[in-house]
Amino acid sequence: MPNIYDFKQLYRRTERGVGLTGSTVRLKLPQIKPRTLRVLTHVTAENQTTAYTKCRLGIINLGNDHYLDELTVIAADELAVSRSNILLGEGDVFFAEFTGSITADLLIMTCVGWELDL
């Protein structure tokens, strides 16, 4: 793993979405650019409005979903927190997937970490 002291820049981003009854809602980060490594050290996901049944964190690469973590039966306004660092490479798209939200719920995903040019 690269040395954290060699990083190019810090990374902070918050994505917001709206729940939809009977559907899974996915919040995504932009795709990782070529020759870039992003390390997410802290990821939180929350439904600020109501409780929901499942939150999954994952990576899309070449059209395939790679699930990393899953939490179930989450209270309204409770932070679902990632359990470890997440490494993202060229072409990866990170996402949080919300199942069991209700139409008009406020969904939020916050990601913090750092980037390194390869």
Protein backbone atom coordinates (compact mmCIF):
# COMPACT_ATOMS: atom_id res chain seq x y z
CA MET A 1 0.00 0.00 0.00
CA PRO A 2 1.31 3.48 -0.82
CA ASN A 3 2.61 5.68 1.95
CA ILE A 4 -0.04 8.12 3.18
CA TYR A 5 2.60 10.87 3.35
CA ASP A 6 3.00 10.73 -0.45
CA PHE A 7 -0.62 11.66 -1.14
CA LYS A 8 -1.49 14.28 -3.77
CA GLN A 9 -4.58 15.71 -2.11
CA LEU A 10 -7.21 15.07 0.52
CA TYR A 11 -10.59 13.87 -0.71
CA ARG A 12 -13.96 14.87 0.75
CA ARG A 13 -17.29 14.46 -0.94
CA THR A 14 -20.94 14.26 0.07
CA GLU A 15 -23.63 12.89 -2.24
CA ARG A 16 -27.33 13.34 -1.56
CA GLY A 17 -30.32 11.53 -2.96
CA VAL A 18 -34.02 10.95 -2.44
CA GLY A 19 -35.60 7.70 -1.31
CA LEU A 20 -38.15 5.83 -3.41
CA THR A 21 -40.66 3.39 -1.95
CA GLY A 22 -40.19 -0.15 -3.31
CA SER A 23 -36.84 0.62 -4.96
CA THR A 24 -33.17 0.40 -4.15
CA VAL A 25 -31.48 3.80 -4.40
CA ARG A 26 -27.78 4.02 -5.21
CA LEU A 27 -25.60 7.07 -4.50
CA LYS A 28 -22.31 7.06 -6.44
CA LEU A 29 -19.01 8.90 -6.53
CA PRO A 30 -17.48 9.90 -9.88
CA GLN A 31 -15.37 7.29 -11.65
CA ILE A 32 -11.67 7.16 -10.68
CA LYS A 33 -9.44 8.73 -13.35
CA PRO A 34 -6.57 6.83 -14.99
CA ARG A 35 -3.32 6.57 -13.00
CA THR A 36 -5.06 7.58 -9.76
CA LEU A 37 -5.47 5.73 -6.48
CA ARG A 38 -8.09 6.91 -3.99
CA VAL A 39 -8.20 5.61 -0.43
CA LEU A 40 -11.45 6.20 1.44
CA THR A 41 -10.66 6.18 5.14
CA HIS A 42 -14.15 7.09 6.38
CA VAL A 43 -17.50 6.45 4.70
CA THR A 44 -20.89 7.11 6.23
CA ALA A 45 -24.37 6.56 4.83
CA GLU A 46 -27.62 7.64 6.39
CA ASN A 47 -31.32 8.06 5.81
CA GLN A 48 -32.14 11.21 7.74
CA THR A 49 -35.88 10.72 7.47
CA THR A 50 -36.96 7.15 8.30
CA ALA A 51 -35.57 3.76 9.27
CA TYR A 52 -34.63 1.45 6.40
CA THR A 53 -33.80 -2.21 5.97
CA LYS A 54 -30.34 -2.40 4.37
CA CYS A 55 -27.30 -0.35 3.39
CA ARG A 56 -24.63 -1.86 1.15
CA LEU A 57 -21.27 -0.34 0.21
CA GLY A 58 -19.58 -1.43 -3.00
CA ILE A 59 -17.51 -0.79 -6.08
CA ILE A 60 -18.58 -0.97 -9.71
CA ASN A 61 -15.79 -2.00 -12.10
CA LEU A 62 -16.28 -3.04 -15.72
CA GLY A 63 -20.04 -3.24 -15.14
CA ASN A 64 -19.74 -5.66 -12.20
CA ASP A 65 -20.87 -4.89 -8.65
CA HIS A 66 -18.40 -5.83 -5.90
CA TYR A 67 -20.11 -5.54 -2.51
CA LEU A 68 -17.80 -4.69 0.40
CA ASP A 69 -20.02 -4.28 3.44
CA GLU A 70 -23.66 -4.54 4.50
CA LEU A 71 -25.61 -3.30 7.48
CA THR A 72 -29.24 -4.19 8.19
CA VAL A 73 -32.14 -2.72 10.16
CA ILE A 74 -30.83 0.83 10.46
CA ALA A 75 -32.70 3.49 12.46
CA ALA A 76 -33.68 6.86 11.04
CA ASP A 77 -30.83 9.37 11.24
CA GLU A 78 -28.34 6.62 12.25
CA LEU A 79 -24.93 6.66 10.53
CA ALA A 80 -23.95 3.44 8.79
CA VAL A 81 -20.14 3.55 8.99
CA SER A 82 -17.58 1.65 6.90
CA ARG A 83 -15.45 -0.79 8.89
CA SER A 84 -12.15 -0.44 7.01
CA ASN A 85 -10.23 1.60 4.43
CA ILE A 86 -11.48 1.22 0.85
CA LEU A 87 -8.98 1.31 -2.03
CA LEU A 88 -10.27 2.51 -5.40
CA GLY A 89 -8.28 2.28 -8.60
CA GLU A 90 -8.60 3.31 -12.21
CA GLY A 91 -12.17 2.97 -13.52
CA ASP A 92 -13.73 2.14 -10.13
CA VAL A 93 -17.00 3.77 -9.04
CA PHE A 94 -17.80 3.64 -5.32
CA PHE A 95 -21.45 3.48 -4.19
CA ALA A 96 -23.79 3.21 -1.22
CA GLU A 97 -27.02 1.34 -1.89
CA PHE A 98 -30.13 2.00 0.23
CA THR A 99 -32.91 -0.60 0.42
CA GLY A 100 -36.21 0.08 2.18
CA SER A 101 -36.33 3.85 1.94
CA ILE A 102 -39.61 5.68 1.45
CA THR A 103 -40.39 8.25 -1.25
CA ALA A 104 -38.93 11.66 -0.37
CA ASP A 105 -36.52 10.33 2.33
CA LEU A 106 -33.26 12.31 2.46
CA LEU A 107 -30.31 9.95 1.77
CA ILE A 108 -26.72 11.06 2.37
CA MET A 109 -23.34 9.42 1.71
CA THR A 110 -20.14 11.12 2.91
CA CYS A 111 -16.66 9.93 1.90
CA VAL A 112 -13.33 11.15 3.27
CA GLY A 113 -9.85 10.04 2.32
CA TRP A 114 -6.91 10.90 0.07
CA GLU A 115 -5.66 10.51 -3.52
CA LEU A 116 -2.34 9.57 -5.00
CA ASP A 117 -1.10 9.84 -8.62
CA LEU A 118 0.41 6.59 -9.85
